[in-house]
C-alpha atoms as a PDB file:
ATOM      1  CA  UNK A   1     209.402 187.741 256.918  1.00  0.00           C
ATOM      2  CA  UNK A   2     205.557 187.987 256.703  1.00  0.00           C
ATOM      3  CA  UNK A   3     205.692 191.347 254.747  1.00  0.00           C
ATOM      4  CA  UNK A   4     208.036 189.607 252.229  1.00  0.00           C
ATOM      5  CA  UNK A   5     205.616 186.729 251.922  1.00  0.00           C
ATOM      6  CA  UNK A   6     202.767 189.012 251.372  1.00  0.00           C
ATOM      7  CA  UNK A   7     204.706 190.979 248.631  1.00  0.00           C
ATOM      8  CA  UNK A   8     205.676 187.737 246.879  1.00  0.00           C
ATOM      9  CA  UNK A   9     201.984 186.654 246.889  1.00  0.00           C
ATOM     10  CA  UNK A  10     200.820 189.926 245.492  1.00  0.00           C
ATOM     11  CA  UNK A  11     203.531 189.671 242.893  1.00  0.00           C
ATOM     12  CA  UNK A  12     202.263 186.233 241.836  1.00  0.00           C
ATOM     13  CA  UNK A  13     198.646 187.334 241.858  1.00  0.00           C
ATOM     14  CA  UNK A  14     199.465 190.445 239.661  1.00  0.00           C
ATOM     15  CA  UNK A  15     201.335 188.414 237.161  1.00  0.00           C
ATOM     16  CA  UNK A  16     198.450 185.822 236.970  1.00  0.00           C
ATOM     17  CA  UNK A  17     195.948 188.743 236.535  1.00  0.00           C
ATOM     18  CA  UNK A  18     198.116 190.482 233.797  1.00  0.00           C
ATOM     19  CA  UNK A  19     198.429 187.020 231.988  1.00  0.00           C
ATOM     20  CA  UNK A  20     194.594 186.632 232.227  1.00  0.00           C
ATOM     21  CA  UNK A  21     193.912 190.236 230.889  1.00  0.00           C
ATOM     22  CA  UNK A  22     196.299 189.897 228.080  1.00  0.00           C
ATOM     23  CA  UNK A  23     195.507 186.384 226.861  1.00  0.00           C
ATOM     24  CA  UNK A  24     191.990 185.909 228.074  1.00  0.00           C
ATOM     25  CA  UNK A  25     192.719 182.161 227.977  1.00  0.00           C
ATOM     26  CA  UNK A  26     194.228 180.008 230.610  1.00  0.00           C
ATOM     27  CA  UNK A  27     193.044 178.670 234.002  1.00  0.00           C
ATOM     28  CA  UNK A  28     190.091 180.635 235.217  1.00  0.00           C
ATOM     29  CA  UNK A  29     190.868 182.469 238.525  1.00  0.00           C
ATOM     30  CA  UNK A  30     188.228 181.392 241.118  1.00  0.00           C
END
């Protein structure tokens, strides 16, 4: 369960980072 949760979190973060890298606009990340 925990591993799956971590994987899901990693996926979410990766998607956000990709979005940031592509658009450059959007909410700042920390």
